Amino acid sequence: MDATTSGTPSLQIHNVVEQSPTASLLLTFDRHQRHCYGESTPGEFPLSASPSIVLHVLTGCNLDPQDLAKLEASSLILLRIRKCKSFSALPANFAPDFELSISELAALDMCQKRAIFKPMTTDERESLKQKCGGSWKLVLRFLLMGEACSRREKSHAIAGPGHSIAVTSNGGVFSFGSNSAGQLGHGNLEEEFVGRPRPIRSLQGIRIIQAAAGAGRTMLISDAGRVFAFGKDSFGEVEYGNQGAKLVTTPQPIESLKNIFVVQAAIGNFFTAILSREGRVYTFSWGSDATLGHQTDPSDLEPHPLLGPLENVPVIQIAAGYCYLLALACQPTGMSVYSVGCGLGGKLGHGSRTDERYPRLIEQFQTLNLQPVVVAAGAWHAAVVGKDGRVCTWGWGRYGCLGHGNEECESVPRVVEALSNVKAVHVATGDYTTFVVSEEGDVYSFGCGESSSLGHNAGVDAQENRHTNVLSPELVSSLKQIKERVVQISLTNSIYWNAHTFALTGSGKLYAFGAGDKGQLGVELVGHQNERGNPERVAIDLS
């Protein structure tokens, strides 16, 4: 906001060259700290008389929670609202709290701009604040990291088992591919296989912020926290075939979740998990032996809170694989990952292959001094991106999907040394396949090359390269050639379906490659083709 044009005295900052917003603020406060309390001289103003100026700077520059904490810890912004002479110019849409510091008030103001925070009651907000550690800065971190790691409220694509879902930045939804169970949501069971993305028109007027796809099933989450599902009407059946399940061909709200504000869903083999706005994890089905901390029938339609250590710890992301679940937790002391379920192959990350009935902290990240910020659960292996850009993988190493140059299993997270010169920001895993996206938008892949899903194909003359397994990370040169920054990768996470892959660019363009026999690529295949070796643009704009 331009303070001068608005009639508010401007904050003068002189001789600042290429400084960050935080550094600029520090320089100004350091130069005339006494003026915060009214000892003004010509050309300056008492900040205590116009606290809105500081708030405009703190919120307008989109400073992250860590920046706000550093400012407060520096003792340069010790101004309390109770000391201010005027409240009339405060820009926040809430009554002033006389005990909040400027940085806390700025954090609360930025929380107010988040879609899932706006409808919360005062009691719900206070409860979330206490759960996050008693600070609005920690609440802001919880909200921002949840949005970042799962692209919540942003465009994204899901490469499901045989069918695909694409969500636009405005909340519109397209579907294409196999429709054997009505999982495309168009009101029928017609199989087209022509690869033409179609909008789900029955969702008109509903803004979708998150999607999940399983075998014969799709789940969509609205900005109001409602969950719509279609396809096989079951949360826990095995993924191959319909086994007599009731089929739903248009999006229907899940009544058992109407009292839970949901922000993410994850469909695994034999179970489904959802994440609430407050960071609570719930699961359906696959619990007859209490493998997920509760006992249920496979046809159970009621959500059960995940019991154990995560009951009072806010979770920002969940990821589901073959009979196991990962949860990325956000605590005042930092980020951590918990795992629960089947331990085959060491995919739970605890140094053994033992099943875990309750969520258990993966302690190896503390040993590695790594703060996890993104988790991905493949069918038999898992991966994490750290805040510093390092990538860790663990679990079954078949076909080289762990990226360590071999096919050995790893029962605890291990840093992928071949990516030591790459700062990663995103990771995606499938059935023995892994993709990593760098800060610059470059893409690396490794693991099983079946169905051309790794993207390592130089052209028509290099057919033999399409299905080659890759034991160490390799740059996907075919994506480099599109000259667009890739921001998200999605690939099929199923042991029964041929895999396909989506690459979404920052401008909203979607590229597809891999298996396309069911029309799941969204591009037309000619002749007897059943897969695409090179990325091809899907004819939809997700921006």
Protein backbone atom coordinates (compact mmCIF):
# COMPACT_ATOMS: atom_id res chain seq x y z
CA MET A 1 0.00 0.00 0.00
CA ASP A 2 1.23 3.46 -0.83
CA ALA A 3 1.11 5.32 2.45
CA THR A 4 1.70 8.69 0.81
CA THR A 5 -1.25 8.52 -1.55
CA SER A 6 -3.49 7.28 1.23
CA GLY A 7 -2.81 10.38 3.29
CA THR A 8 -0.78 8.55 5.93
CA PRO A 9 2.77 9.79 6.68
CA SER A 10 5.32 7.73 4.79
CA LEU A 11 7.98 5.59 6.41
CA GLN A 12 11.28 6.99 5.15
CA ILE A 13 14.03 4.51 4.37
CA HIS A 14 17.23 6.00 2.92
CA ASN A 15 20.25 4.51 1.17
CA VAL A 16 18.99 0.91 1.16
CA VAL A 17 20.39 -1.07 -1.76
CA GLU A 18 18.95 -4.51 -2.56
CA GLN A 19 17.90 -5.14 1.02
CA SER A 20 15.25 -7.69 2.00
CA PRO A 21 12.06 -6.29 3.61
CA THR A 22 13.28 -7.54 6.96
CA ALA A 23 16.68 -5.91 6.60
CA SER A 24 15.09 -2.65 5.49
CA LEU A 25 12.88 -2.53 8.55
CA LEU A 26 15.78 -3.29 10.85
CA LEU A 27 17.90 -0.55 9.32
CA THR A 28 15.15 2.05 9.79
CA PHE A 29 14.39 1.08 13.36
CA ASP A 30 18.08 0.94 14.23
CA ARG A 31 18.68 4.44 12.82
CA HIS A 32 16.04 6.18 14.94
CA GLN A 33 14.70 3.69 17.44
CA ARG A 34 13.73 6.49 19.85
CA HIS A 35 11.21 7.82 17.31
CA CYS A 36 8.99 4.79 17.94
CA TYR A 37 8.12 6.51 21.21
CA GLY A 38 7.51 10.00 19.91
CA GLU A 39 10.88 11.82 19.96
CA SER A 40 10.40 12.94 16.39
CA THR A 41 12.56 15.30 14.38
CA PRO A 42 11.81 16.93 10.99
CA GLY A 43 11.22 14.23 8.38
CA GLU A 44 10.34 11.53 10.93
CA PHE A 45 7.16 10.49 12.72
CA PRO A 46 6.29 8.62 15.93
CA LEU A 47 5.39 5.03 14.97
CA SER A 48 3.39 4.71 18.16
CA ALA A 49 1.00 7.31 16.75
CA SER A 50 0.48 5.34 13.52
CA PRO A 51 0.83 1.60 14.17
CA SER A 52 -1.05 0.90 10.94
CA ILE A 53 2.08 1.91 8.97
CA VAL A 54 4.08 -0.88 10.57
CA LEU A 55 1.27 -3.37 10.05
CA HIS A 56 0.98 -2.40 6.39
CA VAL A 57 4.69 -3.04 5.91
CA LEU A 58 4.72 -6.33 7.81
CA THR A 59 1.63 -7.76 6.12
CA GLY A 60 2.06 -6.14 2.70
CA CYS A 61 5.55 -7.58 2.24
CA ASN A 62 4.28 -11.08 3.04
CA LEU A 63 6.96 -11.66 5.64
CA ASP A 64 6.96 -15.26 6.78
CA PRO A 65 6.53 -16.30 10.45
CA GLN A 66 10.28 -16.72 10.91
CA ASP A 67 10.91 -13.14 9.77
CA LEU A 68 8.27 -11.87 12.19
CA ALA A 69 9.82 -13.85 15.03
CA LYS A 70 13.29 -12.47 14.24
CA LEU A 71 11.96 -8.91 14.25
CA GLU A 72 10.33 -9.42 17.62
CA ALA A 73 13.38 -11.16 19.08
CA SER A 74 15.63 -8.32 17.91
CA SER A 75 14.01 -5.98 20.47
CA LEU A 76 13.51 -3.44 17.67
CA ILE A 77 9.75 -3.98 17.55
CA LEU A 78 8.77 -4.14 21.19
CA LEU A 79 5.84 -1.82 20.64
CA ARG A 80 2.73 -3.13 22.30
CA ILE A 81 -0.66 -2.07 21.05
CA ARG A 82 -1.61 -0.94 24.53
CA LYS A 83 1.06 1.79 24.26
CA CYS A 84 -0.28 3.12 20.98
CA LYS A 85 -2.23 6.38 20.89
CA SER A 86 -4.48 5.46 17.97
CA PHE A 87 -6.34 2.32 16.89
CA SER A 88 -8.52 3.86 14.19
CA ALA A 89 -6.09 3.21 11.35
CA LEU A 90 -5.43 -0.47 12.09
CA PRO A 91 -6.11 -2.42 8.89
CA ALA A 92 -6.96 -5.75 10.48
CA ASN A 93 -10.57 -6.97 10.40
CA PHE A 94 -10.78 -7.70 14.09
CA ALA A 95 -10.94 -5.85 17.39
CA PRO A 96 -7.50 -4.81 18.66
CA ASP A 97 -5.94 -7.06 21.28
CA PHE A 98 -4.18 -4.88 23.84
CA GLU A 99 -1.69 -7.64 24.68
CA LEU A 100 -0.51 -8.44 21.14
CA SER A 101 2.81 -7.23 19.82
CA ILE A 102 2.90 -5.69 16.36
CA SER A 103 4.42 -8.88 14.89
CA GLU A 104 1.74 -11.06 16.50
CA LEU A 105 -0.97 -8.76 15.19
CA ALA A 106 0.59 -8.89 11.72
CA ALA A 107 0.61 -12.70 11.85
CA LEU A 108 -3.05 -12.76 12.89
CA ASP A 109 -3.91 -10.34 10.09
CA MET A 110 -2.22 -12.65 7.56
CA CYS A 111 -4.03 -15.67 9.03
CA GLN A 112 -7.27 -13.82 8.37
CA LYS A 113 -6.52 -13.91 4.64
CA ARG A 114 -6.36 -17.72 4.50
CA ALA A 115 -9.51 -19.39 3.16
CA ILE A 116 -9.68 -22.10 5.81
CA PHE A 117 -9.09 -19.66 8.68
CA LYS A 118 -11.77 -17.09 7.79
CA PRO A 119 -14.86 -19.12 8.78
CA MET A 120 -13.43 -20.26 12.12
CA THR A 121 -15.15 -19.06 15.28
CA THR A 122 -13.23 -17.23 17.99
CA ASP A 123 -13.13 -20.37 20.14
CA GLU A 124 -11.92 -22.49 17.19
CA ARG A 125 -9.16 -19.99 16.45
CA GLU A 126 -8.01 -19.88 20.05
CA SER A 127 -8.02 -23.69 20.20
CA LEU A 128 -5.88 -23.87 17.05
CA LYS A 129 -3.53 -21.25 18.47
CA GLN A 130 -2.97 -23.29 21.63
CA LYS A 131 -2.53 -26.50 19.62
CA CYS A 132 0.12 -24.82 17.47
CA GLY A 133 2.06 -23.55 20.48
CA GLY A 134 0.27 -20.41 21.72
CA SER A 135 1.41 -17.94 19.04
CA TRP A 136 -0.28 -16.49 15.94
CA LYS A 137 3.08 -16.70 14.19
CA LEU A 138 3.02 -20.48 14.73
CA VAL A 139 -0.57 -20.62 13.45
CA LEU A 140 0.52 -18.71 10.33
CA ARG A 141 3.38 -21.17 9.81
CA PHE A 142 0.93 -24.06 10.16
CA LEU A 143 -1.41 -22.57 7.53
CA LEU A 144 1.26 -21.53 5.02
CA MET A 145 3.16 -24.81 5.15
CA GLY A 146 -0.05 -26.78 4.73
CA GLU A 147 -0.87 -24.80 1.60
CA ALA A 148 2.64 -25.15 0.18
CA CYS A 149 3.24 -28.89 0.61
CA SER A 150 -0.07 -30.01 -0.91
CA ARG A 151 -0.79 -27.09 -3.31
CA ARG A 152 -4.02 -26.42 -1.43
CA GLU A 153 -6.05 -23.66 -3.13
CA LYS A 154 -3.69 -23.76 -6.13
CA SER A 155 -4.01 -25.52 -9.47
CA HIS A 156 -2.85 -29.13 -9.46
CA ALA A 157 -3.22 -32.41 -11.33
CA ILE A 158 -3.64 -35.96 -10.01
CA ALA A 159 -2.44 -38.97 -12.02
CA GLY A 160 -4.72 -41.61 -10.57
CA PRO A 161 -4.86 -45.33 -11.38
CA GLY A 162 -6.27 -45.26 -14.91
CA HIS A 163 -7.99 -41.88 -14.59
CA SER A 164 -6.92 -38.29 -13.97
CA ILE A 165 -8.20 -35.20 -12.20
CA ALA A 166 -7.12 -31.59 -12.86
CA VAL A 167 -8.07 -28.67 -10.60
CA THR A 168 -7.82 -25.08 -11.85
CA SER A 169 -6.71 -22.13 -9.72
CA ASN A 170 -10.36 -20.99 -9.66
CA GLY A 171 -11.54 -24.31 -8.25
CA GLY A 172 -12.91 -25.86 -11.44
CA VAL A 173 -12.40 -29.59 -12.02
CA PHE A 174 -11.69 -31.62 -15.17
CA SER A 175 -11.60 -35.42 -15.34
CA PHE A 176 -10.54 -37.92 -18.01
CA GLY A 177 -9.54 -41.56 -18.43
CA SER A 178 -11.16 -44.77 -17.25
CA ASN A 179 -14.78 -44.47 -16.09
CA SER A 180 -15.55 -48.10 -15.21
CA ALA A 181 -16.92 -47.14 -11.78
CA GLY A 182 -18.16 -43.62 -12.52
CA GLN A 183 -14.95 -42.12 -11.13
CA LEU A 184 -15.00 -39.30 -13.69
CA GLY A 185 -18.15 -37.84 -12.14
CA HIS A 186 -20.07 -37.19 -15.36
CA GLY A 187 -23.20 -39.09 -14.38
CA ASN A 188 -22.57 -42.24 -16.41
CA LEU A 189 -20.32 -45.28 -16.80
CA GLU A 190 -19.38 -44.63 -20.41
CA GLU A 191 -15.81 -45.51 -21.35
CA GLU A 192 -14.47 -43.05 -23.94
CA PHE A 193 -10.69 -43.59 -23.88
CA VAL A 194 -10.27 -40.61 -26.23
CA GLY A 195 -8.33 -38.47 -23.78
CA ARG A 196 -10.50 -35.36 -23.84
CA PRO A 197 -10.62 -33.61 -20.45
CA ARG A 198 -14.19 -32.70 -19.53
CA PRO A 199 -15.35 -30.36 -16.77
CA ILE A 200 -17.48 -31.85 -14.00
CA ARG A 201 -20.50 -29.61 -14.54
CA SER A 202 -22.45 -30.74 -11.48
CA LEU A 203 -19.87 -28.93 -9.34
CA GLN A 204 -20.75 -25.53 -10.79
CA GLY A 205 -20.74 -22.93 -8.02
CA ILE A 206 -18.52 -25.07 -5.75
CA ARG A 207 -14.84 -24.16 -5.47
CA ILE A 208 -12.61 -27.22 -5.16
CA ILE A 209 -9.23 -26.74 -3.45
CA GLN A 210 -7.92 -30.32 -3.22
CA ALA A 211 -8.36 -33.66 -5.03
CA ALA A 212 -7.43 -37.30 -4.47
CA ALA A 213 -7.76 -40.29 -6.80
CA GLY A 214 -7.70 -44.00 -6.10
CA ALA A 215 -8.59 -47.05 -8.18
CA GLY A 216 -12.15 -46.43 -9.35
CA ARG A 217 -12.68 -43.62 -6.85
CA THR A 218 -12.29 -39.85 -6.67
CA MET A 219 -12.55 -37.45 -3.73
CA LEU A 220 -12.78 -33.65 -3.99
CA ILE A 221 -12.58 -31.09 -1.18
CA SER A 222 -14.27 -27.69 -1.37
CA ASP A 223 -13.13 -24.41 0.15
CA ALA A 224 -15.93 -24.86 2.69
CA GLY A 225 -14.36 -28.09 3.94
CA ARG A 226 -16.95 -30.42 2.39
CA VAL A 227 -15.85 -33.69 0.81
CA PHE A 228 -17.44 -34.97 -2.40
CA ALA A 229 -16.84 -38.54 -3.56
CA PHE A 230 -17.78 -40.57 -6.62
CA GLY A 231 -16.90 -43.88 -8.19
CA LYS A 232 -16.78 -46.93 -5.92
CA ASP A 233 -18.75 -46.17 -2.78
CA SER A 234 -16.20 -47.64 -0.39
CA PHE A 235 -13.31 -46.32 1.67
CA GLY A 236 -11.41 -49.56 1.97
CA GLU A 237 -11.93 -52.14 -0.76
CA VAL A 238 -9.00 -53.60 -2.63
CA GLU A 239 -8.23 -51.51 -5.64
CA TYR A 240 -8.51 -54.05 -8.45
CA GLY A 241 -12.09 -54.56 -9.64
CA ASN A 242 -15.37 -53.35 -8.17
CA GLN A 243 -16.27 -56.45 -6.10
CA GLY A 244 -19.94 -55.56 -6.16
CA ALA A 245 -19.46 -52.11 -4.66
CA LYS A 246 -22.19 -49.53 -5.13
CA LEU A 247 -21.20 -47.09 -7.88
CA VAL A 248 -21.79 -43.34 -7.66
CA THR A 249 -21.47 -41.47 -10.95
CA THR A 250 -21.77 -37.84 -9.79
CA PRO A 251 -20.04 -36.03 -6.89
CA GLN A 252 -21.93 -36.62 -3.65
CA PRO A 253 -21.13 -35.08 -0.25
CA ILE A 254 -19.92 -37.56 2.38
CA GLU A 255 -22.44 -37.17 5.17
CA SER A 256 -20.23 -38.75 7.82
CA LEU A 257 -17.76 -35.89 7.33
CA LYS A 258 -20.26 -33.01 7.41
CA ASN A 259 -19.14 -31.94 10.89
CA ILE A 260 -15.42 -32.02 10.04
CA PHE A 261 -13.82 -29.21 8.04
CA VAL A 262 -11.57 -31.25 5.73
CA VAL A 263 -8.53 -29.83 3.91
CA GLN A 264 -6.91 -32.97 2.44
CA ALA A 265 -7.74 -36.57 1.55
CA ALA A 266 -5.37 -39.46 0.80
CA ILE A 267 -6.52 -42.74 -0.75
CA GLY A 268 -4.28 -45.70 0.06
CA ASN A 269 -4.67 -49.41 -0.53
CA PHE A 270 -7.43 -50.78 1.72
CA PHE A 271 -8.00 -47.49 3.56
CA THR A 272 -8.66 -43.76 3.21
CA ALA A 273 -7.38 -40.91 5.39
CA ILE A 274 -8.52 -37.32 5.72
CA LEU A 275 -6.97 -34.28 7.40
CA SER A 276 -9.04 -31.67 9.21
CA ARG A 277 -8.50 -27.91 9.23
CA GLU A 278 -7.20 -28.16 12.80
CA GLY A 279 -4.59 -30.75 11.80
CA ARG A 280 -6.38 -33.87 13.07
CA VAL A 281 -6.08 -37.12 11.08
CA TYR A 282 -9.04 -39.48 10.56
CA THR A 283 -9.06 -42.86 8.82
CA PHE A 284 -11.66 -45.16 7.30
CA SER A 285 -11.58 -48.97 7.05
CA TRP A 286 -8.63 -51.39 6.96
CA GLY A 287 -8.66 -51.60 10.72
CA SER A 288 -9.95 -55.09 11.55
CA ASP A 289 -6.68 -55.90 13.31
CA ALA A 290 -6.25 -52.39 14.74
CA THR A 291 -3.43 -51.72 12.29
CA LEU A 292 -4.37 -48.03 12.23
CA GLY A 293 -5.14 -47.79 15.92
CA HIS A 294 -8.82 -48.74 15.65
CA GLN A 295 -10.95 -51.70 14.63
CA THR A 296 -13.45 -51.34 11.80
CA ASP A 297 -15.12 -53.31 9.07
CA PRO A 298 -13.86 -52.74 5.49
CA SER A 299 -17.28 -51.34 4.57
CA ASP A 300 -17.28 -48.84 7.44
CA LEU A 301 -18.27 -45.34 6.32
CA GLU A 302 -17.50 -43.55 9.60
CA PRO A 303 -14.25 -41.63 10.15
CA HIS A 304 -12.14 -42.64 13.15
CA PRO A 305 -9.60 -40.25 14.69
CA LEU A 306 -6.07 -41.57 14.46
CA LEU A 307 -5.11 -42.36 18.04
CA GLY A 308 -1.75 -42.19 19.74
CA PRO A 309 1.02 -39.55 19.73
CA LEU A 310 -0.62 -37.37 17.04
CA GLU A 311 -3.89 -36.80 18.92
CA ASN A 312 -2.79 -33.35 20.11
CA VAL A 313 -0.17 -32.55 17.47
CA PRO A 314 -1.23 -30.50 14.41
CA VAL A 315 -0.56 -32.26 11.10
CA ILE A 316 -0.17 -30.27 7.86
CA GLN A 317 0.07 -33.06 5.28
CA ILE A 318 -0.77 -36.74 4.95
CA ALA A 319 0.41 -39.26 2.34
CA ALA A 320 -0.92 -42.78 1.82
CA GLY A 321 0.82 -45.78 0.27
CA TYR A 322 0.29 -49.52 0.23
CA CYS A 323 -1.21 -50.18 3.67
CA TYR A 324 0.66 -47.37 5.43
CA LEU A 325 0.31 -43.66 6.17
CA LEU A 326 2.77 -40.79 6.65
CA ALA A 327 1.91 -37.60 8.55
CA LEU A 328 3.92 -34.37 8.47
CA ALA A 329 3.50 -32.69 11.85
CA CYS A 330 4.04 -29.03 12.69
CA GLN A 331 5.23 -28.47 16.25
CA PRO A 332 6.70 -25.40 17.99
CA THR A 333 10.08 -27.16 18.03
CA GLY A 334 10.01 -27.84 14.30
CA MET A 335 8.68 -30.22 11.65
CA SER A 336 8.56 -33.99 12.06
CA VAL A 337 7.25 -37.09 10.29
CA TYR A 338 5.21 -39.92 11.81
CA SER A 339 4.36 -43.25 10.17
CA VAL A 340 1.82 -45.98 10.87
CA GLY A 341 0.70 -49.23 9.26
CA CYS A 342 2.51 -51.96 7.35
CA GLY A 343 6.29 -52.00 7.72
CA LEU A 344 7.24 -54.31 4.84
CA GLY A 345 10.43 -53.21 3.11
CA GLY A 346 11.25 -50.78 5.91
CA LYS A 347 8.88 -48.16 4.45
CA LEU A 348 7.89 -46.85 7.90
CA GLY A 349 11.45 -45.60 8.41
CA HIS A 350 12.13 -46.94 11.92
CA GLY A 351 15.05 -49.24 11.15
CA SER A 352 12.95 -52.41 11.00
CA ARG A 353 10.15 -54.03 8.99
CA THR A 354 7.75 -54.17 11.91
CA ASP A 355 4.16 -52.96 11.59
CA GLU A 356 3.11 -49.98 13.72
CA ARG A 357 -0.44 -49.79 15.10
CA TYR A 358 -0.07 -46.21 16.24
CA PRO A 359 1.81 -43.29 14.66
CA ARG A 360 5.49 -43.38 15.51
CA LEU A 361 8.01 -40.56 15.13
CA ILE A 362 10.70 -41.18 12.51
CA GLU A 363 13.73 -40.22 14.58
CA GLN A 364 16.30 -40.37 11.78
CA PHE A 365 15.55 -36.82 10.64
CA GLN A 366 16.87 -35.49 13.95
CA THR A 367 20.08 -37.46 13.40
CA LEU A 368 20.37 -35.98 9.90
CA ASN A 369 19.56 -32.47 11.22
CA LEU A 370 16.86 -32.22 8.55
CA GLN A 371 13.58 -30.32 8.85
CA PRO A 372 11.00 -32.12 6.64
CA VAL A 373 8.66 -29.84 4.66
CA VAL A 374 7.12 -32.24 2.10
CA VAL A 375 6.35 -35.97 2.39
CA ALA A 376 5.46 -38.50 -0.31
CA ALA A 377 4.33 -42.11 0.15
CA GLY A 378 4.86 -44.45 -2.77
CA ALA A 379 3.42 -47.95 -2.89
CA TRP A 380 6.53 -49.47 -1.27
CA HIS A 381 8.88 -46.56 -0.60
CA ALA A 382 8.73 -43.02 0.75
CA ALA A 383 10.49 -39.69 0.33
CA VAL A 384 10.88 -36.34 2.07
CA VAL A 385 12.16 -32.91 1.07
CA GLY A 386 13.95 -30.95 3.78
CA LYS A 387 13.82 -27.22 4.35
CA ASP A 388 17.42 -27.02 3.16
CA GLY A 389 16.52 -28.76 -0.12
CA ARG A 390 17.95 -32.18 0.70
CA VAL A 391 15.97 -35.26 -0.37
CA CYS A 392 15.67 -38.43 1.71
CA THR A 393 14.25 -41.77 0.59
CA TRP A 394 13.64 -45.08 2.32
CA GLY A 395 11.76 -48.37 1.93
CA TRP A 396 11.93 -50.97 -0.80
CA GLY A 397 14.65 -50.02 -3.30
CA ARG A 398 13.56 -52.15 -6.25
CA TYR A 399 14.41 -50.77 -9.71
CA GLY A 400 16.48 -48.01 -8.06
CA CYS A 401 13.45 -46.04 -6.83
CA LEU A 402 15.43 -44.73 -3.82
CA GLY A 403 18.06 -43.09 -6.04
CA HIS A 404 21.09 -44.49 -4.21
CA GLY A 405 22.56 -46.24 -7.26
CA ASN A 406 21.38 -49.71 -6.26
CA GLU A 407 18.24 -51.71 -5.52
CA GLU A 408 18.86 -52.18 -1.80
CA CYS A 409 16.20 -51.53 0.85
CA GLU A 410 16.67 -48.72 3.36
CA SER A 411 14.81 -49.04 6.65
CA VAL A 412 15.60 -45.46 7.76
CA PRO A 413 15.62 -42.24 5.71
CA ARG A 414 18.84 -41.77 3.75
CA VAL A 415 19.93 -38.60 1.94
CA VAL A 416 20.11 -38.97 -1.85
CA GLU A 417 23.73 -37.91 -2.33
CA ALA A 418 23.40 -37.71 -6.11
CA LEU A 419 21.15 -34.66 -5.58
CA SER A 420 23.60 -32.86 -3.28
CA ASN A 421 23.93 -29.97 -5.74
CA VAL A 422 20.17 -29.64 -6.20
CA LYS A 423 17.89 -27.68 -3.89
CA ALA A 424 14.62 -29.61 -4.05
CA VAL A 425 11.21 -28.12 -3.31
CA HIS A 426 8.87 -30.95 -4.29
CA VAL A 427 8.91 -34.75 -4.45
CA ALA A 428 6.44 -37.30 -5.81
CA THR A 429 6.47 -41.09 -5.52
CA GLY A 430 4.63 -43.93 -7.23
CA ASP A 431 5.03 -47.67 -7.62
CA TYR A 432 8.86 -47.92 -7.47
CA THR A 433 9.22 -44.49 -9.09
CA THR A 434 10.38 -41.11 -7.73
CA PHE A 435 10.38 -37.56 -9.13
CA VAL A 436 12.11 -34.52 -7.62
CA VAL A 437 11.50 -30.87 -8.60
CA SER A 438 14.24 -28.32 -7.95
CA GLU A 439 13.92 -24.70 -6.89
CA GLU A 440 14.69 -23.68 -10.49
CA GLY A 441 11.90 -25.91 -11.83
CA ASP A 442 14.12 -28.69 -13.16
CA VAL A 443 12.85 -32.25 -12.80
CA TYR A 444 14.80 -35.40 -11.89
CA SER A 445 13.45 -38.94 -11.92
CA PHE A 446 14.61 -42.44 -11.04
CA GLY A 447 13.26 -45.95 -10.54
CA CYS A 448 11.08 -48.17 -12.72
CA GLY A 449 10.94 -47.09 -16.37
CA GLU A 450 7.89 -49.14 -17.30
CA SER A 451 5.25 -47.36 -19.43
CA SER A 452 7.71 -44.54 -20.27
CA SER A 453 6.62 -42.84 -17.05
CA LEU A 454 10.11 -41.53 -16.14
CA GLY A 455 10.28 -39.25 -19.19
CA HIS A 456 13.80 -40.32 -20.23
CA ASN A 457 13.17 -40.62 -23.95
CA ALA A 458 15.28 -38.70 -26.46
CA GLY A 459 12.91 -39.25 -29.36
CA VAL A 460 11.44 -41.80 -31.74
CA ASP A 461 14.85 -43.33 -32.38
CA ALA A 462 15.36 -44.02 -28.70
CA GLN A 463 12.52 -46.44 -28.08
CA GLU A 464 14.80 -48.71 -26.04
CA ASN A 465 15.34 -45.91 -23.48
CA ARG A 466 11.66 -45.59 -22.63
CA HIS A 467 11.50 -48.60 -20.32
CA THR A 468 15.00 -48.49 -18.86
CA ASN A 469 15.20 -48.52 -15.06
CA VAL A 470 17.20 -45.65 -13.58
CA LEU A 471 19.15 -46.29 -10.37
CA SER A 472 20.30 -42.70 -9.72
CA PRO A 473 18.56 -39.36 -10.28
CA GLU A 474 18.68 -38.13 -13.89
CA LEU A 475 17.52 -34.82 -15.28
CA VAL A 476 14.34 -35.24 -17.32
CA SER A 477 15.67 -33.49 -20.40
CA SER A 478 12.35 -33.79 -22.26
CA LEU A 479 10.76 -31.48 -19.65
CA LYS A 480 13.73 -29.13 -19.82
CA GLN A 481 12.96 -28.64 -23.52
CA ILE A 482 9.51 -27.15 -22.87
CA LYS A 483 11.31 -24.11 -21.40
CA GLU A 484 8.79 -23.75 -18.57
CA ARG A 485 9.35 -23.90 -14.83
CA VAL A 486 7.75 -27.05 -13.43
CA VAL A 487 6.07 -26.61 -10.02
CA GLN A 488 4.33 -29.96 -9.49
CA ILE A 489 4.72 -33.58 -10.54
CA SER A 490 2.04 -36.24 -10.06
CA LEU A 491 2.43 -39.90 -10.95
CA THR A 492 0.33 -43.03 -10.58
CA ASN A 493 0.72 -44.63 -7.17
CA SER A 494 -0.68 -48.10 -7.80
CA ILE A 495 0.67 -51.64 -8.06
CA TYR A 496 -2.08 -52.74 -10.44
CA TRP A 497 -2.15 -50.01 -13.10
CA ASN A 498 0.35 -48.85 -15.69
CA ALA A 499 1.78 -45.52 -14.59
CA HIS A 500 1.43 -42.11 -16.17
CA THR A 501 2.92 -38.77 -15.11
CA PHE A 502 1.83 -35.12 -15.11
CA ALA A 503 4.08 -32.07 -15.01
CA LEU A 504 2.43 -28.75 -14.16
CA THR A 505 4.21 -25.49 -14.96
CA GLY A 506 4.06 -22.19 -13.15
CA SER A 507 1.97 -20.69 -15.95
CA GLY A 508 -0.71 -23.38 -15.58
CA LYS A 509 0.27 -25.55 -18.54
CA LEU A 510 -0.11 -29.30 -18.03
CA TYR A 511 2.12 -31.89 -19.74
CA ALA A 512 1.56 -35.65 -19.72
CA PHE A 513 3.54 -38.78 -20.56
CA GLY A 514 3.50 -42.49 -19.76
CA ALA A 515 0.61 -44.96 -20.10
CA GLY A 516 -2.43 -43.68 -21.97
CA ASP A 517 -4.44 -46.81 -22.81
CA LYS A 518 -7.49 -45.54 -20.87
CA GLY A 519 -7.32 -41.94 -22.06
CA GLN A 520 -5.74 -40.89 -18.74
CA LEU A 521 -3.11 -38.69 -20.41
CA GLY A 522 -5.65 -36.23 -21.69
CA VAL A 523 -4.02 -36.32 -25.14
CA GLU A 524 -5.08 -38.33 -28.17
CA LEU A 525 -2.96 -41.34 -29.10
CA VAL A 526 -2.85 -42.42 -32.74
CA GLY A 527 -2.84 -45.85 -34.29
CA HIS A 528 -1.93 -48.60 -31.87
CA GLN A 529 -0.17 -46.34 -29.40
CA ASN A 530 -0.88 -46.99 -25.73
CA GLU A 531 1.71 -44.69 -24.16
CA ARG A 532 3.52 -41.41 -24.74
CA GLY A 533 7.29 -41.24 -24.29
CA ASN A 534 7.70 -37.46 -24.51
CA PRO A 535 5.70 -34.86 -22.54
CA GLU A 536 2.75 -33.56 -24.52
CA ARG A 537 0.63 -30.55 -23.69
CA VAL A 538 -2.85 -31.32 -22.36
CA ALA A 539 -5.44 -28.99 -23.87
CA ILE A 540 -6.59 -27.34 -20.64
CA ASP A 541 -5.42 -24.18 -18.89
CA LEU A 542 -5.16 -24.58 -15.12
CA SER A 543 -4.03 -21.02 -14.37
